[in-house]
Amino acid sequence: MKSKFFTFCFSLFNFFIIFATDLQFIIKMKILILEDEMHQYNVLRHMLEDLMPSALLIGPIPTVSEARHFFLSESEADIIIADIQLNDGLSFDALSCAPDNVPIIFTTAHEEYALKAFEYNSLSYLLKPIDKEMLRTALQKAQRLLPANTVKASRTPTRPKKEKFRERFMVKTVKGEKMIPVSGIRYFVSEQKNTYLKLLDNTSYPINIPLEKLATQLDPQRFMRVNRKFIVPLEQITATERLSNGKEKLILKGDNPPEIIISRMRRNEVGEWIK
């Protein structure tokens, strides 16, 4: 009798271990949403919150450029739900940078892109307005693929991942888009609610990322936000200068450097950083 009881307890214990592992995976599932219409996003979000309440929703990302940034910065998603027509072009142009093993559910008001969609890792092609049951079916199909991609890895103890930071930016030019490595950046500046990156040759490009958010995407050993307006790379700093009014400013390499006054609250932190 005791033997049967212990066998039952052991089986029950194993069941809870497996269940907890699966639950941990489910909680961590990330769904990336590419959508440029807020109303459509809200409709989709409500459906997903009902169908997969434990999933983490990322987005909405409304432009091809921002979607490329997401993939090139090696951010991760388990499932992608992509509107085909975004603010600045077709999502196909961004999805070419996405990992090959991430299933994609396309949503669109147009039928003519169906064949092209299946050139990508497309599982479903949902016409708007999206039918909730069709979305449920598409998500179930996507989830059936996930164990081969991620569940096995999630059940294997791994070393903590090294935090990843941006290594490049995609900027718009008159000829199209251009990739800028962070090593070519002189500084970032916020002006009139817009953010610009300034290159070593003094050309500048707008980027659609607030300075506060940008600071979290850059390696803190290489970049620091020194005041409200500026983020600077350590390698571009040549010296600091104490002014007659007690303020302290950074001196950057190159001609015609901007006047960058170190924030009083960040002065000690900047001083330690550049030592």
C-alpha atoms as a PDB file:
ATOM      1  CA  MET A   1       0.000   0.000   0.000  1.00  0.00           C
ATOM      2  CA  LYS A   2       2.784   2.364   0.944  1.00  0.00           C
ATOM      3  CA  SER A   3       4.560   1.597  -2.330  1.00  0.00           C
ATOM      4  CA  LYS A   4       1.492   2.560  -4.348  1.00  0.00           C
ATOM      5  CA  PHE A   5       1.080   5.738  -2.314  1.00  0.00           C
ATOM      6  CA  PHE A   6       4.699   6.826  -2.899  1.00  0.00           C
ATOM      7  CA  THR A   7       4.396   5.975  -6.618  1.00  0.00           C
ATOM      8  CA  PHE A   8       1.287   8.156  -6.814  1.00  0.00           C
ATOM      9  CA  CYS A   9       3.005  11.056  -5.004  1.00  0.00           C
ATOM     10  CA  PHE A  10       6.048  10.807  -7.250  1.00  0.00           C
ATOM     11  CA  SER A  11       3.875  10.852 -10.392  1.00  0.00           C
ATOM     12  CA  LEU A  12       1.919  13.815  -9.071  1.00  0.00           C
ATOM     13  CA  PHE A  13       5.145  15.671  -8.305  1.00  0.00           C
ATOM     14  CA  ASN A  14       6.438  15.065 -11.852  1.00  0.00           C
ATOM     15  CA  PHE A  15       3.137  16.307 -13.277  1.00  0.00           C
ATOM     16  CA  PHE A  16       3.413  19.601 -11.397  1.00  0.00           C
ATOM     17  CA  ILE A  17       7.042  20.044 -12.451  1.00  0.00           C
ATOM     18  CA  ILE A  18       6.101  19.596 -16.125  1.00  0.00           C
ATOM     19  CA  PHE A  19       3.023  21.819 -15.736  1.00  0.00           C
ATOM     20  CA  ALA A  20       5.046  24.574 -14.045  1.00  0.00           C
ATOM     21  CA  THR A  21       7.658  24.431 -16.799  1.00  0.00           C
ATOM     22  CA  ASP A  22       5.005  24.686 -19.505  1.00  0.00           C
ATOM     23  CA  LEU A  23       3.261  27.478 -17.627  1.00  0.00           C
ATOM     24  CA  GLN A  24       6.525  29.398 -17.350  1.00  0.00           C
ATOM     25  CA  PHE A  25       6.939  29.135 -21.123  1.00  0.00           C
ATOM     26  CA  ILE A  26       3.370  30.265 -21.768  1.00  0.00           C
ATOM     27  CA  ILE A  27       3.761  33.279 -19.518  1.00  0.00           C
ATOM     28  CA  LYS A  28       6.876  34.293 -21.377  1.00  0.00           C
ATOM     29  CA  MET A  29       5.389  33.949 -24.872  1.00  0.00           C
ATOM     30  CA  LYS A  30       5.935  37.173 -26.801  1.00  0.00           C
ATOM     31  CA  ILE A  31       3.680  38.277 -29.653  1.00  0.00           C
ATOM     32  CA  LEU A  32       5.012  41.091 -31.836  1.00  0.00           C
ATOM     33  CA  ILE A  33       2.346  43.202 -33.577  1.00  0.00           C
ATOM     34  CA  LEU A  34       3.094  45.236 -36.713  1.00  0.00           C
ATOM     35  CA  GLU A  35       0.115  47.560 -37.219  1.00  0.00           C
ATOM     36  CA  ASP A  36      -0.208  51.233 -38.189  1.00  0.00           C
ATOM     37  CA  GLU A  37      -3.900  51.759 -37.394  1.00  0.00           C
ATOM     38  CA  MET A  38      -4.566  52.181 -33.677  1.00  0.00           C
ATOM     39  CA  HIS A  39      -8.204  51.115 -33.955  1.00  0.00           C
ATOM     40  CA  GLN A  40      -7.203  47.860 -35.676  1.00  0.00           C
ATOM     41  CA  TYR A  41      -4.519  47.306 -33.041  1.00  0.00           C
ATOM     42  CA  ASN A  42      -7.007  47.783 -30.197  1.00  0.00           C
ATOM     43  CA  VAL A  43      -9.435  45.302 -31.780  1.00  0.00           C
ATOM     44  CA  LEU A  44      -6.607  42.768 -32.177  1.00  0.00           C
ATOM     45  CA  ARG A  45      -5.316  43.421 -28.662  1.00  0.00           C
ATOM     46  CA  HIS A  46      -8.717  42.721 -27.103  1.00  0.00           C
ATOM     47  CA  MET A  47      -8.973  39.451 -29.042  1.00  0.00           C
ATOM     48  CA  LEU A  48      -5.488  38.366 -27.977  1.00  0.00           C
ATOM     49  CA  GLU A  49      -6.105  39.272 -24.339  1.00  0.00           C
ATOM     50  CA  ASP A  50      -9.123  36.978 -24.446  1.00  0.00           C
ATOM     51  CA  LEU A  51      -7.514  34.133 -26.434  1.00  0.00           C
ATOM     52  CA  MET A  52      -4.046  34.252 -24.823  1.00  0.00           C
ATOM     53  CA  PRO A  53      -4.298  36.256 -21.581  1.00  0.00           C
ATOM     54  CA  SER A  54      -0.798  35.254 -20.406  1.00  0.00           C
ATOM     55  CA  ALA A  55       1.007  36.378 -23.577  1.00  0.00           C
ATOM     56  CA  LEU A  56       3.202  39.478 -23.638  1.00  0.00           C
ATOM     57  CA  LEU A  57       2.163  41.804 -26.465  1.00  0.00           C
ATOM     58  CA  ILE A  58       4.927  43.882 -28.080  1.00  0.00           C
ATOM     59  CA  GLY A  59       3.895  46.891 -30.122  1.00  0.00           C
ATOM     60  CA  PRO A  60       2.208  48.158 -32.059  1.00  0.00           C
ATOM     61  CA  ILE A  61       5.068  48.890 -34.442  1.00  0.00           C
ATOM     62  CA  PRO A  62       3.596  51.110 -37.195  1.00  0.00           C
ATOM     63  CA  THR A  63       6.480  51.436 -39.681  1.00  0.00           C
ATOM     64  CA  VAL A  64       8.828  49.269 -41.722  1.00  0.00           C
ATOM     65  CA  SER A  65      11.765  51.267 -40.379  1.00  0.00           C
ATOM     66  CA  GLU A  66      10.904  50.616 -36.718  1.00  0.00           C
ATOM     67  CA  ALA A  67      10.234  46.936 -37.423  1.00  0.00           C
ATOM     68  CA  ARG A  68      13.674  46.625 -39.025  1.00  0.00           C
ATOM     69  CA  HIS A  69      15.198  48.276 -35.965  1.00  0.00           C
ATOM     70  CA  PHE A  70      13.443  45.695 -33.803  1.00  0.00           C
ATOM     71  CA  PHE A  71      14.831  42.739 -35.755  1.00  0.00           C
ATOM     72  CA  LEU A  72      18.311  44.191 -36.324  1.00  0.00           C
ATOM     73  CA  SER A  73      18.689  44.940 -32.613  1.00  0.00           C
ATOM     74  CA  GLU A  74      18.147  41.198 -32.067  1.00  0.00           C
ATOM     75  CA  SER A  75      14.981  41.702 -30.033  1.00  0.00           C
ATOM     76  CA  GLU A  76      12.929  38.538 -29.744  1.00  0.00           C
ATOM     77  CA  ALA A  77       9.351  37.417 -30.423  1.00  0.00           C
ATOM     78  CA  ASP A  78       7.749  33.969 -30.488  1.00  0.00           C
ATOM     79  CA  ILE A  79       4.930  34.881 -32.903  1.00  0.00           C
ATOM     80  CA  ILE A  80       4.597  37.826 -35.306  1.00  0.00           C
ATOM     81  CA  ILE A  81       1.212  39.259 -36.306  1.00  0.00           C
ATOM     82  CA  ALA A  82       1.867  41.605 -39.217  1.00  0.00           C
ATOM     83  CA  ASP A  83      -0.352  44.000 -41.118  1.00  0.00           C
ATOM     84  CA  ILE A  84       1.007  44.074 -44.660  1.00  0.00           C
ATOM     85  CA  GLN A  85       0.606  47.787 -45.390  1.00  0.00           C
ATOM     86  CA  LEU A  86       2.407  49.933 -42.798  1.00  0.00           C
ATOM     87  CA  ASN A  87       2.898  53.699 -42.695  1.00  0.00           C
ATOM     88  CA  ASP A  88       6.044  53.736 -44.813  1.00  0.00           C
ATOM     89  CA  GLY A  89       5.713  50.623 -46.986  1.00  0.00           C
ATOM     90  CA  LEU A  90       5.036  46.886 -46.925  1.00  0.00           C
ATOM     91  CA  SER A  91       5.932  44.822 -43.873  1.00  0.00           C
ATOM     92  CA  PHE A  92       7.636  42.268 -46.170  1.00  0.00           C
ATOM     93  CA  ASP A  93      10.603  44.660 -46.341  1.00  0.00           C
ATOM     94  CA  ALA A  94      11.049  44.410 -42.576  1.00  0.00           C
ATOM     95  CA  LEU A  95      10.191  40.727 -42.232  1.00  0.00           C
ATOM     96  CA  SER A  96      13.126  39.842 -44.471  1.00  0.00           C
ATOM     97  CA  CYS A  97      15.219  40.717 -41.376  1.00  0.00           C
ATOM     98  CA  ALA A  98      13.133  38.527 -39.020  1.00  0.00           C
ATOM     99  CA  PRO A  99      14.391  35.140 -37.782  1.00  0.00           C
ATOM    100  CA  ASP A 100      13.380  32.263 -40.067  1.00  0.00           C
ATOM    101  CA  ASN A 101      11.912  30.146 -37.272  1.00  0.00           C
ATOM    102  CA  VAL A 102       9.318  32.653 -36.015  1.00  0.00           C
ATOM    103  CA  PRO A 103       5.801  31.946 -37.371  1.00  0.00           C
ATOM    104  CA  ILE A 104       4.015  34.912 -38.977  1.00  0.00           C
ATOM    105  CA  ILE A 105       0.274  35.592 -39.095  1.00  0.00           C
ATOM    106  CA  PHE A 106      -0.526  38.206 -41.745  1.00  0.00           C
ATOM    107  CA  THR A 107      -3.501  40.550 -41.429  1.00  0.00           C
ATOM    108  CA  THR A 108      -4.680  42.804 -44.249  1.00  0.00           C
ATOM    109  CA  ALA A 109      -7.667  44.315 -46.012  1.00  0.00           C
ATOM    110  CA  HIS A 110      -6.227  43.269 -49.387  1.00  0.00           C
ATOM    111  CA  GLU A 111      -6.203  39.818 -50.985  1.00  0.00           C
ATOM    112  CA  GLU A 112      -3.563  40.496 -53.624  1.00  0.00           C
ATOM    113  CA  TYR A 113      -0.588  39.931 -51.286  1.00  0.00           C
ATOM    114  CA  ALA A 114      -1.540  36.360 -50.337  1.00  0.00           C
ATOM    115  CA  LEU A 115       0.948  34.630 -52.637  1.00  0.00           C
ATOM    116  CA  LYS A 116       3.815  36.884 -51.595  1.00  0.00           C
ATOM    117  CA  ALA A 117       2.966  36.321 -47.919  1.00  0.00           C
ATOM    118  CA  PHE A 118       3.663  32.612 -48.268  1.00  0.00           C
ATOM    119  CA  GLU A 119       7.200  33.356 -49.464  1.00  0.00           C
ATOM    120  CA  TYR A 120       7.813  34.187 -45.802  1.00  0.00           C
ATOM    121  CA  ASN A 121       7.257  32.008 -42.746  1.00  0.00           C
ATOM    122  CA  SER A 122       3.518  32.605 -43.054  1.00  0.00           C
ATOM    123  CA  LEU A 123       1.036  30.333 -41.309  1.00  0.00           C
ATOM    124  CA  SER A 124      -2.164  32.275 -41.920  1.00  0.00           C
ATOM    125  CA  TYR A 125      -3.473  35.150 -44.011  1.00  0.00           C
ATOM    126  CA  LEU A 126      -6.378  36.849 -42.219  1.00  0.00           C
ATOM    127  CA  LEU A 127      -8.518  39.412 -44.002  1.00  0.00           C
ATOM    128  CA  LYS A 128      -9.795  42.397 -42.036  1.00  0.00           C
ATOM    129  CA  PRO A 129     -12.051  42.697 -40.175  1.00  0.00           C
ATOM    130  CA  ILE A 130     -10.380  39.810 -38.370  1.00  0.00           C
ATOM    131  CA  ASP A 131     -12.599  36.926 -37.349  1.00  0.00           C
ATOM    132  CA  LYS A 132     -11.857  35.878 -33.782  1.00  0.00           C
ATOM    133  CA  GLU A 133     -12.246  32.153 -34.443  1.00  0.00           C
ATOM    134  CA  MET A 134      -9.916  32.340 -37.435  1.00  0.00           C
ATOM    135  CA  LEU A 135      -7.387  34.143 -35.246  1.00  0.00           C
ATOM    136  CA  ARG A 136      -7.770  31.408 -32.623  1.00  0.00           C
ATOM    137  CA  THR A 137      -7.050  28.763 -35.265  1.00  0.00           C
ATOM    138  CA  ALA A 138      -4.026  30.681 -36.547  1.00  0.00           C
ATOM    139  CA  LEU A 139      -2.596  31.005 -33.024  1.00  0.00           C
ATOM    140  CA  GLN A 140      -3.104  27.302 -32.383  1.00  0.00           C
ATOM    141  CA  LYS A 141      -1.217  26.487 -35.587  1.00  0.00           C
ATOM    142  CA  ALA A 142       1.595  28.808 -34.510  1.00  0.00           C
ATOM    143  CA  GLN A 143       1.767  27.278 -31.042  1.00  0.00           C
ATOM    144  CA  ARG A 144       2.110  23.779 -32.507  1.00  0.00           C
ATOM    145  CA  LEU A 145       5.347  24.943 -34.141  1.00  0.00           C
ATOM    146  CA  LEU A 146       6.732  26.616 -31.043  1.00  0.00           C
ATOM    147  CA  PRO A 147       7.894  23.518 -29.123  1.00  0.00           C
ATOM    148  CA  ALA A 148      10.365  22.661 -31.898  1.00  0.00           C
ATOM    149  CA  ASN A 149      11.699  26.219 -31.808  1.00  0.00           C
ATOM    150  CA  THR A 150      11.650  27.271 -28.196  1.00  0.00           C
ATOM    151  CA  VAL A 151      10.072  24.961 -25.615  1.00  0.00           C
ATOM    152  CA  LYS A 152      12.937  22.490 -25.580  1.00  0.00           C
ATOM    153  CA  ALA A 153      15.375  25.317 -25.023  1.00  0.00           C
ATOM    154  CA  SER A 154      13.201  26.841 -22.304  1.00  0.00           C
ATOM    155  CA  ARG A 155      13.290  23.559 -20.341  1.00  0.00           C
ATOM    156  CA  THR A 156      17.069  23.319 -20.492  1.00  0.00           C
ATOM    157  CA  PRO A 157      18.981  25.277 -17.855  1.00  0.00           C
ATOM    158  CA  THR A 158      21.022  27.956 -19.587  1.00  0.00           C
ATOM    159  CA  ARG A 159      23.399  30.659 -18.546  1.00  0.00           C
ATOM    160  CA  PRO A 160      21.853  34.096 -18.161  1.00  0.00           C
ATOM    161  CA  LYS A 161      21.824  35.908 -21.490  1.00  0.00           C
ATOM    162  CA  LYS A 162      24.234  38.743 -21.935  1.00  0.00           C
ATOM    163  CA  GLU A 163      22.241  41.922 -22.363  1.00  0.00           C
ATOM    164  CA  LYS A 164      22.181  43.091 -25.980  1.00  0.00           C
ATOM    165  CA  PHE A 165      22.388  46.709 -27.057  1.00  0.00           C
ATOM    166  CA  ARG A 166      21.990  48.502 -30.355  1.00  0.00           C
ATOM    167  CA  GLU A 167      24.869  48.202 -32.777  1.00  0.00           C
ATOM    168  CA  ARG A 168      23.292  50.078 -35.708  1.00  0.00           C
ATOM    169  CA  PHE A 169      20.487  52.383 -36.828  1.00  0.00           C
ATOM    170  CA  MET A 170      18.523  52.531 -40.071  1.00  0.00           C
ATOM    171  CA  VAL A 171      17.964  56.129 -41.226  1.00  0.00           C
ATOM    172  CA  LYS A 172      16.069  57.574 -44.171  1.00  0.00           C
ATOM    173  CA  THR A 173      17.938  59.396 -46.938  1.00  0.00           C
ATOM    174  CA  VAL A 174      16.849  60.882 -50.259  1.00  0.00           C
ATOM    175  CA  LYS A 175      18.037  57.678 -51.943  1.00  0.00           C
ATOM    176  CA  GLY A 176      16.322  55.288 -49.559  1.00  0.00           C
ATOM    177  CA  GLU A 177      17.562  53.884 -46.253  1.00  0.00           C
ATOM    178  CA  LYS A 178      21.085  53.784 -44.862  1.00  0.00           C
ATOM    179  CA  MET A 179      22.568  51.708 -42.048  1.00  0.00           C
ATOM    180  CA  ILE A 180      24.605  53.652 -39.469  1.00  0.00           C
ATOM    181  CA  PRO A 181      26.836  51.691 -37.064  1.00  0.00           C
ATOM    182  CA  VAL A 182      27.036  53.164 -33.563  1.00  0.00           C
ATOM    183  CA  SER A 183      30.805  53.511 -34.006  1.00  0.00           C
ATOM    184  CA  GLY A 184      30.136  56.273 -36.559  1.00  0.00           C
ATOM    185  CA  ILE A 185      27.985  58.404 -34.263  1.00  0.00           C
ATOM    186  CA  ARG A 186      29.313  61.616 -32.725  1.00  0.00           C
ATOM    187  CA  TYR A 187      26.317  62.221 -30.441  1.00  0.00           C
ATOM    188  CA  PHE A 188      22.517  62.114 -30.164  1.00  0.00           C
ATOM    189  CA  VAL A 189      20.543  65.282 -29.529  1.00  0.00           C
ATOM    190  CA  SER A 190      16.911  66.072 -28.760  1.00  0.00           C
ATOM    191  CA  GLU A 191      15.612  69.257 -30.400  1.00  0.00           C
ATOM    192  CA  GLN A 192      11.996  70.473 -30.534  1.00  0.00           C
ATOM    193  CA  LYS A 193      10.641  67.069 -29.470  1.00  0.00           C
ATOM    194  CA  ASN A 194      12.632  65.276 -32.192  1.00  0.00           C
ATOM    195  CA  THR A 195      15.715  63.084 -31.789  1.00  0.00           C
ATOM    196  CA  TYR A 196      18.678  63.320 -34.179  1.00  0.00           C
ATOM    197  CA  LEU A 197      21.879  61.354 -34.513  1.00  0.00           C
ATOM    198  CA  LYS A 198      24.912  63.353 -35.563  1.00  0.00           C
ATOM    199  CA  LEU A 199      27.657  61.572 -37.486  1.00  0.00           C
ATOM    200  CA  LEU A 200      31.402  62.127 -37.385  1.00  0.00           C
ATOM    201  CA  ASP A 201      31.190  64.104 -40.640  1.00  0.00           C
ATOM    202  CA  ASN A 202      28.565  66.395 -39.002  1.00  0.00           C
ATOM    203  CA  THR A 203      25.643  65.149 -41.086  1.00  0.00           C
ATOM    204  CA  SER A 204      22.540  64.428 -39.010  1.00  0.00           C
ATOM    205  CA  TYR A 205      19.462  62.230 -39.372  1.00  0.00           C
ATOM    206  CA  PRO A 206      16.175  62.152 -37.447  1.00  0.00           C
ATOM    207  CA  ILE A 207      15.300  58.927 -35.654  1.00  0.00           C
ATOM    208  CA  ASN A 208      11.862  58.129 -34.302  1.00  0.00           C
ATOM    209  CA  ILE A 209      12.994  57.212 -30.784  1.00  0.00           C
ATOM    210  CA  PRO A 210      12.630  59.493 -27.718  1.00  0.00           C
ATOM    211  CA  LEU A 211      15.933  60.233 -26.015  1.00  0.00           C
ATOM    212  CA  GLU A 212      14.791  58.615 -22.768  1.00  0.00           C
ATOM    213  CA  LYS A 213      13.994  55.333 -24.525  1.00  0.00           C
ATOM    214  CA  LEU A 214      17.133  55.549 -26.664  1.00  0.00           C
ATOM    215  CA  ALA A 215      19.302  55.718 -23.553  1.00  0.00           C
ATOM    216  CA  THR A 216      18.060  52.262 -22.500  1.00  0.00           C
ATOM    217  CA  GLN A 217      18.948  50.747 -25.904  1.00  0.00           C
ATOM    218  CA  LEU A 218      22.603  51.808 -25.890  1.00  0.00           C
ATOM    219  CA  ASP A 219      25.504  50.152 -24.095  1.00  0.00           C
ATOM    220  CA  PRO A 220      26.017  52.203 -20.882  1.00  0.00           C
ATOM    221  CA  GLN A 221      29.735  51.516 -21.016  1.00  0.00           C
ATOM    222  CA  ARG A 222      29.914  53.300 -24.392  1.00  0.00           C
ATOM    223  CA  PHE A 223      27.105  55.885 -24.219  1.00  0.00           C
ATOM    224  CA  MET A 224      25.656  58.122 -21.544  1.00  0.00           C
ATOM    225  CA  ARG A 225      22.852  60.654 -21.357  1.00  0.00           C
ATOM    226  CA  VAL A 226      24.684  63.618 -19.822  1.00  0.00           C
ATOM    227  CA  ASN A 227      21.738  66.039 -19.702  1.00  0.00           C
ATOM    228  CA  ARG A 228      18.197  66.455 -21.031  1.00  0.00           C
ATOM    229  CA  LYS A 229      19.316  66.993 -24.625  1.00  0.00           C
ATOM    230  CA  PHE A 230      22.447  64.919 -25.279  1.00  0.00           C
ATOM    231  CA  ILE A 231      23.621  61.313 -25.321  1.00  0.00           C
ATOM    232  CA  VAL A 232      27.338  61.070 -26.089  1.00  0.00           C
ATOM    233  CA  PRO A 233      29.737  58.179 -26.766  1.00  0.00           C
ATOM    234  CA  LEU A 234      32.701  57.893 -24.431  1.00  0.00           C
ATOM    235  CA  GLU A 235      35.157  57.638 -27.313  1.00  0.00           C
ATOM    236  CA  GLN A 236      34.159  61.107 -28.581  1.00  0.00           C
ATOM    237  CA  ILE A 237      35.003  62.899 -25.301  1.00  0.00           C
ATOM    238  CA  THR A 238      38.411  64.533 -25.072  1.00  0.00           C
ATOM    239  CA  ALA A 239      38.062  66.515 -21.823  1.00  0.00           C
ATOM    240  CA  THR A 240      35.786  68.343 -19.416  1.00  0.00           C
ATOM    241  CA  GLU A 241      35.988  72.071 -18.664  1.00  0.00           C
ATOM    242  CA  ARG A 242      34.927  73.912 -15.490  1.00  0.00           C
ATOM    243  CA  LEU A 243      33.196  77.204 -16.347  1.00  0.00           C
ATOM    244  CA  SER A 244      33.280  80.419 -14.333  1.00  0.00           C
ATOM    245  CA  ASN A 245      29.673  79.936 -13.217  1.00  0.00           C
ATOM    246  CA  GLY A 246      30.550  76.572 -11.672  1.00  0.00           C
ATOM    247  CA  LYS A 247      29.026  74.512 -14.443  1.00  0.00           C
ATOM    248  CA  GLU A 248      30.993  71.806 -16.235  1.00  0.00           C
ATOM    249  CA  LYS A 249      30.919  71.053 -19.936  1.00  0.00           C
ATOM    250  CA  LEU A 250      32.137  68.228 -22.137  1.00  0.00           C
ATOM    251  CA  ILE A 251      34.649  68.818 -24.915  1.00  0.00           C
ATOM    252  CA  LEU A 252      34.145  66.561 -27.920  1.00  0.00           C
ATOM    253  CA  LYS A 253      36.527  65.629 -30.696  1.00  0.00           C
ATOM    254  CA  GLY A 254      36.309  67.385 -34.065  1.00  0.00           C
ATOM    255  CA  ASP A 255      35.468  70.868 -35.299  1.00  0.00           C
ATOM    256  CA  ASN A 256      32.558  72.986 -34.080  1.00  0.00           C
ATOM    257  CA  PRO A 257      31.498  70.778 -31.185  1.00  0.00           C
ATOM    258  CA  PRO A 258      28.183  71.663 -29.539  1.00  0.00           C
ATOM    259  CA  GLU A 259      28.137  73.146 -26.058  1.00  0.00           C
ATOM    260  CA  ILE A 260      27.208  70.243 -23.796  1.00  0.00           C
ATOM    261  CA  ILE A 261      26.736  71.219 -20.162  1.00  0.00           C
ATOM    262  CA  ILE A 262      26.765  68.237 -17.818  1.00  0.00           C
ATOM    263  CA  SER A 263      23.606  68.005 -15.738  1.00  0.00           C
ATOM    264  CA  ARG A 264      24.271  68.816 -12.084  1.00  0.00           C
ATOM    265  CA  MET A 265      22.529  65.595 -11.042  1.00  0.00           C
ATOM    266  CA  ARG A 266      24.718  63.522 -13.378  1.00  0.00           C
ATOM    267  CA  ARG A 267      28.041  65.249 -12.750  1.00  0.00           C
ATOM    268  CA  ASN A 268      29.471  62.626 -10.377  1.00  0.00           C
ATOM    269  CA  GLU A 269      28.194  59.775 -12.527  1.00  0.00           C
ATOM    270  CA  VAL A 270      29.717  61.265 -15.690  1.00  0.00           C
ATOM    271  CA  GLY A 271      32.985  61.919 -13.851  1.00  0.00           C
ATOM    272  CA  GLU A 272      33.246  58.258 -12.817  1.00  0.00           C
ATOM    273  CA  TRP A 273      32.267  57.100 -16.306  1.00  0.00           C
ATOM    274  CA  ILE A 274      35.019  58.971 -18.151  1.00  0.00           C
ATOM    275  CA  LYS A 275      37.823  58.126 -15.750  1.00  0.00           C
END
